[in-house]
């Protein structure tokens, strides 16, 4: 048997997911169902996290996509190392409503806090929307693997300034 590739179709999966693609993917599921984030990790079951905030990470709740300040839509979920088990997963319709203000072609990604209550986040691209094997009921926005070392760590400007000030003070006193 041989593999035949239809190269006349555009390969959308080779690029980061856009807001329109996420909206379209969510429409395939029961709108009253819940949605969470599933993060694969080598040798472990997917880590499932609740969704907290949808918005540009530097400016939560604001649409930041003008040429002066291009951005991405960040879906912020529970912390990697201290998930909030009691947080209820939003309904698919709730997430779809949160996506309305954002432009169709805006890059959408998952922001995972690295330390509980931290404002430093690991930014993961979305691979697909579906049901991750072995996870809780509901639909998951499935990300690329946590073990991919090429991921970006993003900080709010004030967090970066505080971290640099602490490092500077330590070097002065050390």
C-alpha atoms as a PDB file:
ATOM      1  CA  UNK A   1       0.000   0.000   0.000  1.00  0.00           C
ATOM      2  CA  UNK A   2       1.231   3.512  -0.686  1.00  0.00           C
ATOM      3  CA  UNK A   3       0.336   6.863   0.773  1.00  0.00           C
ATOM      4  CA  UNK A   4      -1.292   9.336  -1.600  1.00  0.00           C
ATOM      5  CA  UNK A   5      -1.298  12.988  -0.631  1.00  0.00           C
ATOM      6  CA  UNK A   6      -3.726  15.436  -2.197  1.00  0.00           C
ATOM      7  CA  UNK A   7      -1.476  18.486  -2.442  1.00  0.00           C
ATOM      8  CA  UNK A   8      -4.208  20.612  -4.011  1.00  0.00           C
ATOM      9  CA  UNK A   9      -5.738  21.183  -0.543  1.00  0.00           C
ATOM     10  CA  UNK A  10      -4.243  23.833   1.722  1.00  0.00           C
ATOM     11  CA  UNK A  11      -2.627  22.366   4.849  1.00  0.00           C
ATOM     12  CA  UNK A  12      -4.205  24.569   7.516  1.00  0.00           C
ATOM     13  CA  UNK A  13      -2.888  22.287  10.274  1.00  0.00           C
ATOM     14  CA  UNK A  14       0.687  23.375   9.547  1.00  0.00           C
ATOM     15  CA  UNK A  15      -0.050  26.831  10.956  1.00  0.00           C
ATOM     16  CA  UNK A  16      -1.148  28.068  14.381  1.00  0.00           C
ATOM     17  CA  UNK A  17      -4.893  27.829  14.994  1.00  0.00           C
ATOM     18  CA  UNK A  18      -6.894  30.967  14.324  1.00  0.00           C
ATOM     19  CA  UNK A  19      -9.995  32.213  16.142  1.00  0.00           C
ATOM     20  CA  UNK A  20     -12.311  31.266  13.246  1.00  0.00           C
ATOM     21  CA  UNK A  21     -10.940  27.716  13.203  1.00  0.00           C
ATOM     22  CA  UNK A  22     -11.551  27.376  16.940  1.00  0.00           C
ATOM     23  CA  UNK A  23     -15.105  28.732  16.581  1.00  0.00           C
ATOM     24  CA  UNK A  24     -15.784  26.314  13.714  1.00  0.00           C
ATOM     25  CA  UNK A  25     -14.354  23.371  15.670  1.00  0.00           C
ATOM     26  CA  UNK A  26     -16.516  24.169  18.722  1.00  0.00           C
ATOM     27  CA  UNK A  27     -19.673  24.266  16.545  1.00  0.00           C
ATOM     28  CA  UNK A  28     -19.257  20.542  15.846  1.00  0.00           C
ATOM     29  CA  UNK A  29     -20.087  19.703  19.482  1.00  0.00           C
ATOM     30  CA  UNK A  30     -23.163  19.922  21.693  1.00  0.00           C
ATOM     31  CA  UNK A  31     -23.264  23.588  22.789  1.00  0.00           C
ATOM     32  CA  UNK A  32     -24.389  22.633  26.302  1.00  0.00           C
ATOM     33  CA  UNK A  33     -21.324  20.422  26.797  1.00  0.00           C
ATOM     34  CA  UNK A  34     -18.316  21.559  28.814  1.00  0.00           C
ATOM     35  CA  UNK A  35     -14.924  22.508  27.438  1.00  0.00           C
ATOM     36  CA  UNK A  36     -11.525  22.365  29.125  1.00  0.00           C
ATOM     37  CA  UNK A  37      -7.867  22.234  28.104  1.00  0.00           C
ATOM     38  CA  UNK A  38      -5.955  18.945  27.682  1.00  0.00           C
ATOM     39  CA  UNK A  39      -2.152  19.143  27.707  1.00  0.00           C
ATOM     40  CA  UNK A  40      -0.200  16.087  26.536  1.00  0.00           C
ATOM     41  CA  UNK A  41       3.011  15.152  28.342  1.00  0.00           C
ATOM     42  CA  UNK A  42       5.381  12.331  27.383  1.00  0.00           C
ATOM     43  CA  UNK A  43       4.670   9.085  29.236  1.00  0.00           C
ATOM     44  CA  UNK A  44       1.736  10.543  31.181  1.00  0.00           C
ATOM     45  CA  UNK A  45      -2.004  10.880  30.679  1.00  0.00           C
ATOM     46  CA  UNK A  46      -3.177  14.252  29.350  1.00  0.00           C
ATOM     47  CA  UNK A  47      -3.316  16.933  32.042  1.00  0.00           C
ATOM     48  CA  UNK A  48      -6.796  18.507  32.010  1.00  0.00           C
ATOM     49  CA  UNK A  49      -7.146  22.127  33.125  1.00  0.00           C
ATOM     50  CA  UNK A  50     -10.133  24.452  33.534  1.00  0.00           C
ATOM     51  CA  UNK A  51     -10.350  27.649  31.475  1.00  0.00           C
ATOM     52  CA  UNK A  52     -10.136  30.920  33.437  1.00  0.00           C
ATOM     53  CA  UNK A  53      -9.786  33.947  31.149  1.00  0.00           C
ATOM     54  CA  UNK A  54     -10.014  34.608  27.419  1.00  0.00           C
ATOM     55  CA  UNK A  55      -8.188  37.707  26.169  1.00  0.00           C
ATOM     56  CA  UNK A  56      -4.833  39.077  25.152  1.00  0.00           C
ATOM     57  CA  UNK A  57      -2.585  38.169  28.096  1.00  0.00           C
ATOM     58  CA  UNK A  58      -1.052  41.644  28.445  1.00  0.00           C
ATOM     59  CA  UNK A  59      -4.535  43.201  28.395  1.00  0.00           C
ATOM     60  CA  UNK A  60      -7.119  40.677  29.669  1.00  0.00           C
ATOM     61  CA  UNK A  61     -10.521  41.172  28.108  1.00  0.00           C
ATOM     62  CA  UNK A  62      -9.277  43.626  25.459  1.00  0.00           C
ATOM     63  CA  UNK A  63      -8.866  43.012  21.745  1.00  0.00           C
ATOM     64  CA  UNK A  64      -5.279  43.913  20.866  1.00  0.00           C
ATOM     65  CA  UNK A  65      -4.764  43.313  17.158  1.00  0.00           C
ATOM     66  CA  UNK A  66      -3.867  46.656  15.605  1.00  0.00           C
ATOM     67  CA  UNK A  67      -0.576  47.135  13.690  1.00  0.00           C
ATOM     68  CA  UNK A  68       0.902  49.050  16.626  1.00  0.00           C
ATOM     69  CA  UNK A  69       0.219  46.195  19.034  1.00  0.00           C
ATOM     70  CA  UNK A  70      -0.333  42.905  17.218  1.00  0.00           C
ATOM     71  CA  UNK A  71      -1.320  40.125  19.515  1.00  0.00           C
ATOM     72  CA  UNK A  72      -2.794  36.736  19.957  1.00  0.00           C
ATOM     73  CA  UNK A  73      -5.869  35.543  21.752  1.00  0.00           C
ATOM     74  CA  UNK A  74      -4.771  33.810  24.953  1.00  0.00           C
ATOM     75  CA  UNK A  75      -6.988  31.265  26.686  1.00  0.00           C
ATOM     76  CA  UNK A  76      -5.627  31.137  30.233  1.00  0.00           C
ATOM     77  CA  UNK A  77      -6.172  27.878  32.108  1.00  0.00           C
ATOM     78  CA  UNK A  78      -5.323  26.430  35.524  1.00  0.00           C
ATOM     79  CA  UNK A  79      -1.721  26.398  36.645  1.00  0.00           C
ATOM     80  CA  UNK A  80       0.421  23.474  35.501  1.00  0.00           C
ATOM     81  CA  UNK A  81       1.689  22.653  38.980  1.00  0.00           C
ATOM     82  CA  UNK A  82      -1.380  23.514  41.088  1.00  0.00           C
ATOM     83  CA  UNK A  83      -4.639  22.957  39.205  1.00  0.00           C
ATOM     84  CA  UNK A  84      -7.861  24.205  40.766  1.00  0.00           C
ATOM     85  CA  UNK A  85      -9.960  21.056  41.009  1.00  0.00           C
ATOM     86  CA  UNK A  86     -13.087  22.877  42.142  1.00  0.00           C
ATOM     87  CA  UNK A  87     -13.360  25.253  39.159  1.00  0.00           C
ATOM     88  CA  UNK A  88     -16.246  24.314  36.869  1.00  0.00           C
ATOM     89  CA  UNK A  89     -15.457  23.984  33.180  1.00  0.00           C
ATOM     90  CA  UNK A  90     -17.318  26.531  31.027  1.00  0.00           C
ATOM     91  CA  UNK A  91     -19.965  25.420  28.550  1.00  0.00           C
ATOM     92  CA  UNK A  92     -19.050  25.395  24.864  1.00  0.00           C
ATOM     93  CA  UNK A  93     -21.542  28.236  24.296  1.00  0.00           C
ATOM     94  CA  UNK A  94     -19.807  30.308  27.003  1.00  0.00           C
ATOM     95  CA  UNK A  95     -16.398  29.886  25.367  1.00  0.00           C
ATOM     96  CA  UNK A  96     -17.909  30.655  21.940  1.00  0.00           C
ATOM     97  CA  UNK A  97     -19.375  33.921  23.334  1.00  0.00           C
ATOM     98  CA  UNK A  98     -15.958  34.873  24.756  1.00  0.00           C
ATOM     99  CA  UNK A  99     -14.461  34.496  21.252  1.00  0.00           C
ATOM    100  CA  UNK A 100     -16.935  36.880  19.547  1.00  0.00           C
ATOM    101  CA  UNK A 101     -14.922  40.145  19.826  1.00  0.00           C
ATOM    102  CA  UNK A 102     -11.749  38.671  18.366  1.00  0.00           C
ATOM    103  CA  UNK A 103     -10.887  38.823  14.635  1.00  0.00           C
ATOM    104  CA  UNK A 104     -11.188  35.587  12.634  1.00  0.00           C
ATOM    105  CA  UNK A 105      -7.514  35.465  11.643  1.00  0.00           C
ATOM    106  CA  UNK A 106      -6.071  36.180  15.103  1.00  0.00           C
ATOM    107  CA  UNK A 107      -3.713  33.481  16.370  1.00  0.00           C
ATOM    108  CA  UNK A 108      -5.204  31.675  19.387  1.00  0.00           C
ATOM    109  CA  UNK A 109      -3.103  29.818  21.938  1.00  0.00           C
ATOM    110  CA  UNK A 110      -3.318  28.402  25.455  1.00  0.00           C
ATOM    111  CA  UNK A 111      -1.544  30.216  28.309  1.00  0.00           C
ATOM    112  CA  UNK A 112      -0.591  27.858  31.148  1.00  0.00           C
ATOM    113  CA  UNK A 113       0.665  29.482  34.366  1.00  0.00           C
ATOM    114  CA  UNK A 114       3.895  27.758  35.419  1.00  0.00           C
ATOM    115  CA  UNK A 115       3.612  28.430  39.141  1.00  0.00           C
ATOM    116  CA  UNK A 116       0.280  28.739  40.929  1.00  0.00           C
ATOM    117  CA  UNK A 117      -0.862  32.406  41.055  1.00  0.00           C
ATOM    118  CA  UNK A 118       2.124  33.404  38.922  1.00  0.00           C
ATOM    119  CA  UNK A 119       1.879  35.810  36.044  1.00  0.00           C
ATOM    120  CA  UNK A 120       4.454  33.888  34.014  1.00  0.00           C
ATOM    121  CA  UNK A 121       2.835  31.587  31.483  1.00  0.00           C
ATOM    122  CA  UNK A 122       3.915  28.883  29.055  1.00  0.00           C
ATOM    123  CA  UNK A 123       2.275  29.516  25.676  1.00  0.00           C
ATOM    124  CA  UNK A 124       1.073  26.366  23.900  1.00  0.00           C
ATOM    125  CA  UNK A 125      -0.442  26.186  20.417  1.00  0.00           C
ATOM    126  CA  UNK A 126      -3.696  24.291  19.910  1.00  0.00           C
ATOM    127  CA  UNK A 127      -3.438  21.052  17.972  1.00  0.00           C
ATOM    128  CA  UNK A 128      -7.100  20.053  17.841  1.00  0.00           C
ATOM    129  CA  UNK A 129     -10.489  20.213  19.543  1.00  0.00           C
ATOM    130  CA  UNK A 130     -12.046  16.911  20.578  1.00  0.00           C
ATOM    131  CA  UNK A 131     -11.946  14.373  23.363  1.00  0.00           C
ATOM    132  CA  UNK A 132      -8.517  13.434  24.696  1.00  0.00           C
ATOM    133  CA  UNK A 133      -8.247   9.719  25.477  1.00  0.00           C
ATOM    134  CA  UNK A 134      -8.550   8.898  29.167  1.00  0.00           C
ATOM    135  CA  UNK A 135      -9.770  12.344  30.207  1.00  0.00           C
ATOM    136  CA  UNK A 136     -12.881  13.545  31.991  1.00  0.00           C
ATOM    137  CA  UNK A 137     -16.140  13.881  30.043  1.00  0.00           C
ATOM    138  CA  UNK A 138     -16.638  16.883  27.807  1.00  0.00           C
ATOM    139  CA  UNK A 139     -14.710  18.444  24.964  1.00  0.00           C
ATOM    140  CA  UNK A 140     -11.077  19.451  25.265  1.00  0.00           C
ATOM    141  CA  UNK A 141      -8.974  22.008  23.451  1.00  0.00           C
ATOM    142  CA  UNK A 142      -5.877  19.825  23.015  1.00  0.00           C
ATOM    143  CA  UNK A 143      -2.491  21.533  22.944  1.00  0.00           C
ATOM    144  CA  UNK A 144       0.920  20.590  21.673  1.00  0.00           C
ATOM    145  CA  UNK A 145       3.061  18.616  24.116  1.00  0.00           C
ATOM    146  CA  UNK A 146       4.234  20.192  27.367  1.00  0.00           C
ATOM    147  CA  UNK A 147       7.613  18.548  26.734  1.00  0.00           C
ATOM    148  CA  UNK A 148       8.322  20.665  23.641  1.00  0.00           C
ATOM    149  CA  UNK A 149      11.244  22.781  24.843  1.00  0.00           C
ATOM    150  CA  UNK A 150      10.760  25.410  22.132  1.00  0.00           C
ATOM    151  CA  UNK A 151       7.756  26.975  23.871  1.00  0.00           C
ATOM    152  CA  UNK A 152       7.631  30.648  24.772  1.00  0.00           C
ATOM    153  CA  UNK A 153       7.373  31.780  28.376  1.00  0.00           C
ATOM    154  CA  UNK A 154       5.517  35.081  28.521  1.00  0.00           C
ATOM    155  CA  UNK A 155       5.463  37.507  31.414  1.00  0.00           C
ATOM    156  CA  UNK A 156       3.504  40.635  32.126  1.00  0.00           C
ATOM    157  CA  UNK A 157       5.892  43.637  31.952  1.00  0.00           C
ATOM    158  CA  UNK A 158       5.641  44.270  35.715  1.00  0.00           C
ATOM    159  CA  UNK A 159       6.558  40.629  36.469  1.00  0.00           C
ATOM    160  CA  UNK A 160       9.622  40.832  34.220  1.00  0.00           C
ATOM    161  CA  UNK A 161      10.653  44.132  35.867  1.00  0.00           C
ATOM    162  CA  UNK A 162      10.256  42.661  39.386  1.00  0.00           C
ATOM    163  CA  UNK A 163      12.250  39.556  38.439  1.00  0.00           C
ATOM    164  CA  UNK A 164      15.054  41.622  36.899  1.00  0.00           C
ATOM    165  CA  UNK A 165      15.116  44.015  39.884  1.00  0.00           C
ATOM    166  CA  UNK A 166      15.425  41.068  42.302  1.00  0.00           C
ATOM    167  CA  UNK A 167      18.259  39.565  40.224  1.00  0.00           C
ATOM    168  CA  UNK A 168      20.024  42.952  40.094  1.00  0.00           C
ATOM    169  CA  UNK A 169      19.691  43.406  43.870  1.00  0.00           C
ATOM    170  CA  UNK A 170      21.013  39.899  44.489  1.00  0.00           C
ATOM    171  CA  UNK A 171      24.037  40.537  42.259  1.00  0.00           C
ATOM    172  CA  UNK A 172      24.730  43.846  44.044  1.00  0.00           C
ATOM    173  CA  UNK A 173      24.506  42.224  47.495  1.00  0.00           C
ATOM    174  CA  UNK A 174      26.175  38.936  46.526  1.00  0.00           C
END
